């Protein structure tokens, strides 16, 4: 199947890890992830994110569920920030707005490709020069 790209905007909060965990819980609850292959007899739906990831094994969930932690640098299984230099390089500012991101969306694909599968990136999105959202993006699954 190959890896799938994923992108999520969530309301800003200072605690990036809490924002990540809240997003993961929301994605799991909504069922917006790759479902395990059907079995005979049908298996019950996974009760937890961990159950889902175990059932999907190396296929993963093709979603933010595959990256459970925040890291200061790019790493497998984690989301990491862009450096100020990277923000300026890709978006022309250290305080990108949603409009800036959408106008420069090819940069998101470049960053995702450079960081590879089973990893993600986050950045703070600004509105009126204030933090407004967190943008999580990456790719995972196989």
C-alpha atoms as a PDB file:
ATOM      1  CA  UNK A   1       0.000   0.000   0.000  1.00  0.00           C
ATOM      2  CA  UNK A   2       2.807   2.466   0.821  1.00  0.00           C
ATOM      3  CA  UNK A   3       2.899   5.273   3.337  1.00  0.00           C
ATOM      4  CA  UNK A   4       0.084   7.811   3.614  1.00  0.00           C
ATOM      5  CA  UNK A   5       0.510  11.527   4.241  1.00  0.00           C
ATOM      6  CA  UNK A   6      -1.546  13.083   7.015  1.00  0.00           C
ATOM      7  CA  UNK A   7      -2.219  16.656   8.169  1.00  0.00           C
ATOM      8  CA  UNK A   8      -4.119  18.058  11.133  1.00  0.00           C
ATOM      9  CA  UNK A   9      -4.767  21.520  12.547  1.00  0.00           C
ATOM     10  CA  UNK A  10      -5.672  21.724  16.239  1.00  0.00           C
ATOM     11  CA  UNK A  11      -6.301  24.727  18.502  1.00  0.00           C
ATOM     12  CA  UNK A  12      -3.099  26.095  20.001  1.00  0.00           C
ATOM     13  CA  UNK A  13      -2.029  25.144  23.494  1.00  0.00           C
ATOM     14  CA  UNK A  14       1.403  25.600  25.051  1.00  0.00           C
ATOM     15  CA  UNK A  15       1.810  21.910  25.874  1.00  0.00           C
ATOM     16  CA  UNK A  16       2.601  20.380  22.472  1.00  0.00           C
ATOM     17  CA  UNK A  17       2.625  16.845  23.864  1.00  0.00           C
ATOM     18  CA  UNK A  18      -0.852  17.325  25.338  1.00  0.00           C
ATOM     19  CA  UNK A  19      -2.068  18.705  22.003  1.00  0.00           C
ATOM     20  CA  UNK A  20      -0.600  15.631  20.282  1.00  0.00           C
ATOM     21  CA  UNK A  21      -2.207  13.201  22.740  1.00  0.00           C
ATOM     22  CA  UNK A  22      -5.583  14.984  22.497  1.00  0.00           C
ATOM     23  CA  UNK A  23      -5.384  14.813  18.697  1.00  0.00           C
ATOM     24  CA  UNK A  24      -4.480  11.116  18.765  1.00  0.00           C
ATOM     25  CA  UNK A  25      -7.449  10.396  21.059  1.00  0.00           C
ATOM     26  CA  UNK A  26      -9.774  12.348  18.760  1.00  0.00           C
ATOM     27  CA  UNK A  27      -8.544  10.565  15.612  1.00  0.00           C
ATOM     28  CA  UNK A  28      -8.920   7.172  17.297  1.00  0.00           C
ATOM     29  CA  UNK A  29     -12.414   7.970  18.582  1.00  0.00           C
ATOM     30  CA  UNK A  30     -13.521   9.187  15.134  1.00  0.00           C
ATOM     31  CA  UNK A  31     -12.145   6.075  13.409  1.00  0.00           C
ATOM     32  CA  UNK A  32     -10.134   8.130  10.907  1.00  0.00           C
ATOM     33  CA  UNK A  33      -7.343   5.602  10.452  1.00  0.00           C
ATOM     34  CA  UNK A  34      -6.489   2.509   8.420  1.00  0.00           C
ATOM     35  CA  UNK A  35      -8.583  -0.407   9.688  1.00  0.00           C
ATOM     36  CA  UNK A  36      -7.083  -3.856  10.264  1.00  0.00           C
ATOM     37  CA  UNK A  37      -7.829  -6.413   7.580  1.00  0.00           C
ATOM     38  CA  UNK A  38     -11.094  -8.276   8.273  1.00  0.00           C
ATOM     39  CA  UNK A  39     -10.780 -11.672   9.871  1.00  0.00           C
ATOM     40  CA  UNK A  40     -13.113 -14.632  10.059  1.00  0.00           C
ATOM     41  CA  UNK A  41     -14.836 -14.510  12.448  1.00  0.00           C
ATOM     42  CA  UNK A  42     -14.776 -10.707  12.549  1.00  0.00           C
ATOM     43  CA  UNK A  43     -12.634  -9.326  15.353  1.00  0.00           C
ATOM     44  CA  UNK A  44     -14.116  -6.676  17.631  1.00  0.00           C
ATOM     45  CA  UNK A  45     -12.947  -3.137  16.922  1.00  0.00           C
ATOM     46  CA  UNK A  46      -9.799  -2.160  18.810  1.00  0.00           C
ATOM     47  CA  UNK A  47     -10.501  -0.805  22.287  1.00  0.00           C
ATOM     48  CA  UNK A  48      -7.337   1.298  22.494  1.00  0.00           C
ATOM     49  CA  UNK A  49      -4.804   2.935  20.212  1.00  0.00           C
ATOM     50  CA  UNK A  50      -2.287   0.330  21.345  1.00  0.00           C
ATOM     51  CA  UNK A  51      -4.689  -2.494  20.357  1.00  0.00           C
ATOM     52  CA  UNK A  52      -5.126  -0.915  16.925  1.00  0.00           C
ATOM     53  CA  UNK A  53      -1.385  -0.541  16.366  1.00  0.00           C
ATOM     54  CA  UNK A  54      -0.787  -4.119  17.496  1.00  0.00           C
ATOM     55  CA  UNK A  55      -3.501  -5.418  15.142  1.00  0.00           C
ATOM     56  CA  UNK A  56      -2.165  -3.382  12.213  1.00  0.00           C
ATOM     57  CA  UNK A  57       1.454  -4.311  13.005  1.00  0.00           C
ATOM     58  CA  UNK A  58       3.864  -3.013  10.349  1.00  0.00           C
ATOM     59  CA  UNK A  59       0.977  -1.610   8.280  1.00  0.00           C
ATOM     60  CA  UNK A  60       0.409   1.065  10.902  1.00  0.00           C
ATOM     61  CA  UNK A  61      -2.639   3.304  11.067  1.00  0.00           C
ATOM     62  CA  UNK A  62      -1.670   5.715   8.260  1.00  0.00           C
ATOM     63  CA  UNK A  63      -2.429   8.554  10.692  1.00  0.00           C
ATOM     64  CA  UNK A  64      -1.077  10.599  13.594  1.00  0.00           C
ATOM     65  CA  UNK A  65      -1.694   7.509  15.742  1.00  0.00           C
ATOM     66  CA  UNK A  66       1.625   6.139  14.454  1.00  0.00           C
ATOM     67  CA  UNK A  67       3.672   8.901  16.114  1.00  0.00           C
ATOM     68  CA  UNK A  68       3.055   8.853  19.881  1.00  0.00           C
ATOM     69  CA  UNK A  69       5.658  11.336  21.098  1.00  0.00           C
ATOM     70  CA  UNK A  70       7.224  14.757  20.678  1.00  0.00           C
ATOM     71  CA  UNK A  71      10.961  15.015  20.047  1.00  0.00           C
ATOM     72  CA  UNK A  72      13.228  18.060  19.824  1.00  0.00           C
ATOM     73  CA  UNK A  73      14.725  16.654  16.594  1.00  0.00           C
ATOM     74  CA  UNK A  74      13.255  14.542  13.774  1.00  0.00           C
ATOM     75  CA  UNK A  75      12.973  10.922  14.905  1.00  0.00           C
ATOM     76  CA  UNK A  76      11.011   7.798  14.028  1.00  0.00           C
ATOM     77  CA  UNK A  77       7.713   7.597  15.882  1.00  0.00           C
ATOM     78  CA  UNK A  78       7.772  11.258  16.871  1.00  0.00           C
ATOM     79  CA  UNK A  79       6.733  14.712  15.770  1.00  0.00           C
ATOM     80  CA  UNK A  80       9.430  17.371  15.867  1.00  0.00           C
ATOM     81  CA  UNK A  81       9.405  21.124  15.285  1.00  0.00           C
ATOM     82  CA  UNK A  82      11.014  23.003  12.458  1.00  0.00           C
ATOM     83  CA  UNK A  83      13.945  25.196  13.438  1.00  0.00           C
ATOM     84  CA  UNK A  84      13.613  28.969  13.048  1.00  0.00           C
ATOM     85  CA  UNK A  85      15.929  28.726  10.018  1.00  0.00           C
ATOM     86  CA  UNK A  86      13.711  26.034   8.459  1.00  0.00           C
ATOM     87  CA  UNK A  87      10.580  28.109   9.076  1.00  0.00           C
ATOM     88  CA  UNK A  88      12.184  31.068   7.296  1.00  0.00           C
ATOM     89  CA  UNK A  89      13.501  28.853   4.491  1.00  0.00           C
ATOM     90  CA  UNK A  90      10.167  27.173   3.754  1.00  0.00           C
ATOM     91  CA  UNK A  91       7.640  29.843   4.716  1.00  0.00           C
ATOM     92  CA  UNK A  92       9.572  33.123   4.758  1.00  0.00           C
ATOM     93  CA  UNK A  93       8.770  33.767   8.417  1.00  0.00           C
ATOM     94  CA  UNK A  94       9.136  32.282  11.891  1.00  0.00           C
ATOM     95  CA  UNK A  95       5.415  32.969  12.476  1.00  0.00           C
ATOM     96  CA  UNK A  96       3.500  31.400   9.594  1.00  0.00           C
ATOM     97  CA  UNK A  97      -0.228  31.975   9.261  1.00  0.00           C
ATOM     98  CA  UNK A  98      -2.585  29.381   7.840  1.00  0.00           C
ATOM     99  CA  UNK A  99      -2.688  31.426   4.642  1.00  0.00           C
ATOM    100  CA  UNK A 100       1.127  31.308   4.468  1.00  0.00           C
ATOM    101  CA  UNK A 101       1.074  27.522   4.875  1.00  0.00           C
ATOM    102  CA  UNK A 102      -1.604  27.031   2.231  1.00  0.00           C
ATOM    103  CA  UNK A 103       0.192  29.335  -0.194  1.00  0.00           C
ATOM    104  CA  UNK A 104       3.447  27.389   0.316  1.00  0.00           C
ATOM    105  CA  UNK A 105       1.967  23.909   0.588  1.00  0.00           C
ATOM    106  CA  UNK A 106       4.627  22.287  -1.644  1.00  0.00           C
ATOM    107  CA  UNK A 107       7.023  23.003   1.236  1.00  0.00           C
ATOM    108  CA  UNK A 108       4.965  20.689   3.461  1.00  0.00           C
ATOM    109  CA  UNK A 109       5.517  17.877   0.957  1.00  0.00           C
ATOM    110  CA  UNK A 110       9.243  18.653   0.809  1.00  0.00           C
ATOM    111  CA  UNK A 111       9.561  18.573   4.602  1.00  0.00           C
ATOM    112  CA  UNK A 112       7.566  15.334   4.796  1.00  0.00           C
ATOM    113  CA  UNK A 113       9.766  13.716   2.142  1.00  0.00           C
ATOM    114  CA  UNK A 114      12.968  14.818   3.851  1.00  0.00           C
ATOM    115  CA  UNK A 115      11.897  13.545   7.263  1.00  0.00           C
ATOM    116  CA  UNK A 116      10.626  10.247   5.855  1.00  0.00           C
ATOM    117  CA  UNK A 117       7.916   7.822   6.887  1.00  0.00           C
ATOM    118  CA  UNK A 118       6.934   7.056  10.466  1.00  0.00           C
ATOM    119  CA  UNK A 119       7.768  10.608  11.536  1.00  0.00           C
ATOM    120  CA  UNK A 120       6.003  13.917  11.704  1.00  0.00           C
ATOM    121  CA  UNK A 121       6.466  17.633  12.064  1.00  0.00           C
ATOM    122  CA  UNK A 122       4.605  20.275  13.991  1.00  0.00           C
ATOM    123  CA  UNK A 123       4.603  24.027  13.844  1.00  0.00           C
ATOM    124  CA  UNK A 124       2.687  26.808  15.514  1.00  0.00           C
ATOM    125  CA  UNK A 125       0.312  28.685  13.213  1.00  0.00           C
ATOM    126  CA  UNK A 126      -0.270  32.365  13.938  1.00  0.00           C
ATOM    127  CA  UNK A 127      -3.261  34.670  13.533  1.00  0.00           C
ATOM    128  CA  UNK A 128      -2.972  38.382  14.335  1.00  0.00           C
ATOM    129  CA  UNK A 129       0.628  37.686  15.441  1.00  0.00           C
ATOM    130  CA  UNK A 130      -0.606  35.341  18.203  1.00  0.00           C
ATOM    131  CA  UNK A 131      -0.392  31.526  18.371  1.00  0.00           C
ATOM    132  CA  UNK A 132      -3.719  30.199  17.062  1.00  0.00           C
ATOM    133  CA  UNK A 133      -3.218  26.586  15.985  1.00  0.00           C
ATOM    134  CA  UNK A 134      -0.734  23.749  15.864  1.00  0.00           C
ATOM    135  CA  UNK A 135      -0.241  22.084  12.497  1.00  0.00           C
ATOM    136  CA  UNK A 136       0.824  18.435  12.662  1.00  0.00           C
ATOM    137  CA  UNK A 137       1.856  16.693   9.437  1.00  0.00           C
ATOM    138  CA  UNK A 138       3.853  13.688   8.299  1.00  0.00           C
ATOM    139  CA  UNK A 139       3.514  10.256   6.785  1.00  0.00           C
ATOM    140  CA  UNK A 140       3.267   6.723   8.078  1.00  0.00           C
ATOM    141  CA  UNK A 141       2.000   3.273   7.267  1.00  0.00           C
ATOM    142  CA  UNK A 142       3.061   0.644   4.814  1.00  0.00           C
END
